[in-house]
């Protein structure tokens, strides 16, 4: 027998076999068979109670042992989990800030490059227009103005910023962790709502067939119980 195997008392095992054999093939078709089935039901319920009574002390002992284990675990975890949680939050904020700054730098670089491309395209158009001027002295004056404008506009351009490499902290990384917050419960679609079955059951038990909850129909499903005096 393994260490985790539980030995069942012989009496319980024997009675279970007797009840199983007595119920085999039993069909309830008249009062005699119904009475016979009822006798087996009563015997079965007594055996069920005996089994539960037998295991109850074991379960209570196991529950108490588990409670002590969980409490000891909670106490030990409470020594270190707050530290890890606080430092994780700090590192997470730092990494997020660094990533935000990196993306801002990327966007600034993109905008600076676009501005240079727009300036180059604009000046290229003006240069082509100057080439069409037939009067050489006039063309040179226009070209000089274009050169001066190029120098002025380039001086006004923001320098293209460097983009920092993605920040890292040795041993840890940021991982997406999507969750949610309920901001307006009244707007949640019906498919995401769960009926409160505990509350509904309490109302049905109290009001029985007088239950009046829209979308709910009270149903009586009788169960077999031991008769008084048996």
Protein backbone atom coordinates (compact mmCIF):
# COMPACT_ATOMS: atom_id res chain seq x y z
CA UNK A 1 0.00 0.00 0.00
CA UNK A 2 1.40 3.41 -0.98
CA UNK A 3 1.83 6.18 1.58
CA UNK A 4 -1.05 8.18 0.02
CA UNK A 5 -3.49 5.24 -0.19
CA UNK A 6 -6.30 5.33 2.39
CA UNK A 7 -7.59 2.05 3.84
CA UNK A 8 -11.39 1.78 3.79
CA UNK A 9 -13.03 -0.11 6.68
CA UNK A 10 -14.16 -3.58 5.64
CA UNK A 11 -17.76 -2.94 6.79
CA UNK A 12 -18.15 0.07 4.51
CA UNK A 13 -16.64 -1.80 1.59
CA UNK A 14 -18.90 -4.81 2.20
CA UNK A 15 -22.08 -2.72 2.49
CA UNK A 16 -21.22 -0.89 -0.72
CA UNK A 17 -20.90 -4.22 -2.53
CA UNK A 18 -24.24 -5.43 -1.09
CA UNK A 19 -26.05 -2.25 -2.15
CA UNK A 20 -24.48 -2.37 -5.61
CA UNK A 21 -25.55 -6.00 -6.09
CA UNK A 22 -29.06 -5.34 -4.74
CA UNK A 23 -29.59 -2.44 -7.14
CA UNK A 24 -28.27 -4.23 -10.21
CA UNK A 25 -31.04 -4.61 -12.77
CA UNK A 26 -33.72 -3.24 -10.42
CA UNK A 27 -36.52 -1.55 -12.35
CA UNK A 28 -39.24 0.42 -10.54
CA UNK A 29 -42.51 -0.70 -12.11
CA UNK A 30 -44.86 -1.20 -9.16
CA UNK A 31 -45.19 -0.64 -5.39
CA UNK A 32 -43.17 -3.72 -4.54
CA UNK A 33 -40.22 -2.65 -6.69
CA UNK A 34 -40.60 0.95 -5.52
CA UNK A 35 -40.49 -0.21 -1.88
CA UNK A 36 -37.44 -2.33 -2.63
CA UNK A 37 -35.74 0.64 -4.32
CA UNK A 38 -36.66 2.83 -1.36
CA UNK A 39 -35.03 0.35 1.05
CA UNK A 40 -31.86 0.45 -1.02
CA UNK A 41 -32.00 4.25 -1.12
CA UNK A 42 -32.29 4.46 2.69
CA UNK A 43 -29.45 1.97 3.12
CA UNK A 44 -27.41 3.89 0.58
CA UNK A 45 -27.98 7.22 2.35
CA UNK A 46 -26.94 5.64 5.67
CA UNK A 47 -23.80 4.31 4.03
CA UNK A 48 -23.11 7.70 2.44
CA UNK A 49 -23.35 9.30 5.90
CA UNK A 50 -21.08 6.63 7.36
CA UNK A 51 -18.50 7.23 4.61
CA UNK A 52 -18.63 11.00 5.16
CA UNK A 53 -18.35 10.53 8.93
CA UNK A 54 -15.35 8.28 8.40
CA UNK A 55 -13.53 10.76 6.17
CA UNK A 56 -14.61 13.91 7.99
CA UNK A 57 -11.85 13.81 10.68
CA UNK A 58 -9.25 13.19 7.96
CA UNK A 59 -10.53 16.12 5.92
CA UNK A 60 -10.57 18.39 8.96
CA UNK A 61 -7.02 17.37 9.83
CA UNK A 62 -5.94 17.91 6.22
CA UNK A 63 -7.70 21.28 6.12
CA UNK A 64 -5.99 22.34 9.33
CA UNK A 65 -2.63 21.16 8.03
CA UNK A 66 -3.19 23.04 4.78
CA UNK A 67 -4.26 26.15 6.71
CA UNK A 68 -1.04 26.05 8.74
CA UNK A 69 1.04 25.48 5.62
CA UNK A 70 -0.63 28.36 3.77
CA UNK A 71 -0.25 30.67 6.76
CA UNK A 72 3.45 29.84 7.11
CA UNK A 73 3.90 30.32 3.38
CA UNK A 74 2.07 33.68 3.56
CA UNK A 75 4.31 34.85 6.40
CA UNK A 76 7.48 33.91 4.54
CA UNK A 77 6.29 35.44 1.27
CA UNK A 78 5.32 38.65 3.07
CA UNK A 79 9.00 39.18 3.89
CA UNK A 80 10.11 39.37 0.28
CA UNK A 81 7.10 39.90 -2.03
CA UNK A 82 6.63 43.61 -1.12
CA UNK A 83 10.31 44.27 -1.88
CA UNK A 84 10.13 42.52 -5.25
CA UNK A 85 6.84 44.26 -6.05
CA UNK A 86 8.14 47.74 -5.19
CA UNK A 87 11.40 47.31 -7.10
CA UNK A 88 9.55 45.78 -10.06
CA UNK A 89 7.32 48.85 -10.19
CA UNK A 90 10.32 51.18 -10.09
CA UNK A 91 12.19 49.30 -12.83
CA UNK A 92 9.00 49.09 -14.89
CA UNK A 93 8.46 52.86 -14.64
CA UNK A 94 12.08 53.55 -15.58
CA UNK A 95 11.97 51.21 -18.58
CA UNK A 96 8.65 52.70 -19.69
CA UNK A 97 10.03 56.26 -19.38
CA UNK A 98 13.14 55.32 -21.33
CA UNK A 99 11.05 53.69 -24.05
CA UNK A 100 8.84 56.80 -24.23
CA UNK A 101 11.89 59.02 -24.61
CA UNK A 102 13.31 56.70 -27.28
CA UNK A 103 10.07 56.84 -29.28
CA UNK A 104 9.91 60.61 -28.92
CA UNK A 105 13.47 60.80 -30.27
CA UNK A 106 12.51 58.52 -33.17
CA UNK A 107 9.57 60.76 -34.01
CA UNK A 108 11.72 63.91 -33.73
CA UNK A 109 14.28 62.34 -36.06
CA UNK A 110 11.58 61.37 -38.54
CA UNK A 111 10.13 64.89 -38.52
CA UNK A 112 13.59 66.48 -38.97
CA UNK A 113 14.33 64.20 -41.93
CA UNK A 114 10.93 64.99 -43.49
CA UNK A 115 11.59 68.73 -43.08
CA UNK A 116 14.91 68.38 -44.90
CA UNK A 117 13.27 66.41 -47.68
CA UNK A 118 10.55 69.07 -48.04
CA UNK A 119 13.19 71.81 -48.18
CA UNK A 120 15.22 69.95 -50.78
CA UNK A 121 12.13 69.39 -52.93
CA UNK A 122 11.12 73.06 -52.65
CA UNK A 123 14.56 74.35 -53.55
CA UNK A 124 14.84 71.91 -56.43
CA UNK A 125 11.65 73.35 -57.90
CA UNK A 126 13.02 76.89 -57.54
CA UNK A 127 16.32 75.85 -59.11
CA UNK A 128 14.49 74.42 -62.16
CA UNK A 129 12.49 77.63 -62.42
CA UNK A 130 15.73 79.67 -62.36
CA UNK A 131 17.16 77.56 -65.17
CA UNK A 132 14.28 78.72 -67.38
CA UNK A 133 15.31 82.38 -67.09
CA UNK A 134 16.99 83.36 -70.36
CA UNK A 135 18.59 86.56 -69.12
CA UNK A 136 21.89 85.42 -67.64
CA UNK A 137 22.29 88.28 -65.16
CA UNK A 138 18.73 87.84 -63.94
CA UNK A 139 19.25 84.09 -63.68
CA UNK A 140 22.38 84.59 -61.59
CA UNK A 141 20.58 87.01 -59.26
CA UNK A 142 17.83 84.41 -58.75
CA UNK A 143 20.36 81.66 -58.21
CA UNK A 144 22.19 83.83 -55.64
CA UNK A 145 18.91 84.37 -53.81
CA UNK A 146 18.26 80.64 -53.85
CA UNK A 147 21.74 79.92 -52.46
CA UNK A 148 21.20 82.49 -49.71
CA UNK A 149 17.79 81.03 -48.93
CA UNK A 150 19.26 77.53 -48.78
CA UNK A 151 21.86 78.69 -46.26
CA UNK A 152 19.25 80.51 -44.17
CA UNK A 153 16.72 77.68 -44.20
CA UNK A 154 19.32 75.06 -43.41
CA UNK A 155 20.52 77.14 -40.46
CA UNK A 156 16.95 77.23 -39.16
CA UNK A 157 16.51 73.47 -39.38
CA UNK A 158 16.64 71.49 -36.16
CA UNK A 159 19.59 69.09 -36.09
CA UNK A 160 18.64 65.45 -36.64
CA UNK A 161 18.70 63.94 -33.14
CA UNK A 162 20.31 60.65 -32.25
CA UNK A 163 17.93 57.87 -31.21
CA UNK A 164 19.05 56.11 -28.02
CA UNK A 165 19.14 52.34 -27.97
CA UNK A 166 16.33 50.57 -26.15
CA UNK A 167 16.94 50.59 -22.40
CA UNK A 168 17.49 47.29 -20.61
CA UNK A 169 17.89 46.17 -17.02
CA UNK A 170 20.02 43.08 -16.53
CA UNK A 171 17.96 40.00 -15.76
CA UNK A 172 14.52 41.48 -16.43
CA UNK A 173 12.42 42.67 -19.37
CA UNK A 174 9.12 44.43 -19.84
CA UNK A 175 6.35 42.13 -21.06
CA UNK A 176 2.91 43.24 -22.15
CA UNK A 177 0.38 42.54 -19.42
CA UNK A 178 -3.02 43.64 -20.70
CA UNK A 179 -5.79 43.87 -18.14
CA UNK A 180 -8.84 46.11 -17.81
CA UNK A 181 -10.67 48.58 -15.62
CA UNK A 182 -14.46 48.96 -15.51
CA UNK A 183 -15.20 52.63 -16.13
CA UNK A 184 -18.97 52.42 -16.74
CA UNK A 185 -20.72 49.20 -15.77
CA UNK A 186 -23.95 50.26 -17.51
CA UNK A 187 -22.23 50.17 -20.93
CA UNK A 188 -20.92 46.59 -20.66
CA UNK A 189 -22.53 44.37 -23.36
CA UNK A 190 -24.79 41.61 -22.06
CA UNK A 191 -22.53 38.79 -23.26
CA UNK A 192 -19.91 39.90 -20.74
CA UNK A 193 -22.29 39.78 -17.76
CA UNK A 194 -22.66 36.73 -15.49
CA UNK A 195 -25.97 36.10 -13.66
CA UNK A 196 -25.69 36.00 -9.87
CA UNK A 197 -26.88 32.40 -9.47
CA UNK A 198 -26.41 32.43 -5.70
CA UNK A 199 -28.73 35.41 -5.32
CA UNK A 200 -31.24 33.95 -7.81
CA UNK A 201 -31.27 30.60 -5.97
CA UNK A 202 -31.99 32.31 -2.63
CA UNK A 203 -34.98 34.13 -4.17
CA UNK A 204 -36.31 30.91 -5.77
CA UNK A 205 -35.96 28.96 -2.51
CA UNK A 206 -37.81 31.69 -0.63
CA UNK A 207 -40.59 32.42 -3.16
CA UNK A 208 -40.83 29.03 -4.92
CA UNK A 209 -43.45 29.20 -7.69
CA UNK A 210 -44.10 32.87 -6.85
CA UNK A 211 -40.64 33.79 -8.13
CA UNK A 212 -40.90 36.77 -10.47
CA UNK A 213 -37.50 37.51 -11.97
CA UNK A 214 -37.54 38.46 -15.68
CA UNK A 215 -35.77 35.77 -17.70
CA UNK A 216 -35.89 33.24 -14.84
CA UNK A 217 -38.34 30.34 -14.49
CA UNK A 218 -38.56 28.60 -11.12
CA UNK A 219 -38.40 24.81 -11.52
CA UNK A 220 -39.23 22.25 -8.83
CA UNK A 221 -37.15 19.09 -9.13
CA UNK A 222 -38.12 16.86 -6.16
CA UNK A 223 -35.38 14.77 -4.55
CA UNK A 224 -35.66 11.54 -2.56
CA UNK A 225 -35.26 12.00 1.21
CA UNK A 226 -35.54 9.50 4.06
CA UNK A 227 -39.05 9.30 5.47
CA UNK A 228 -39.55 10.23 9.11
CA UNK A 229 -39.26 7.37 11.56
CA UNK A 230 -37.24 5.22 9.14
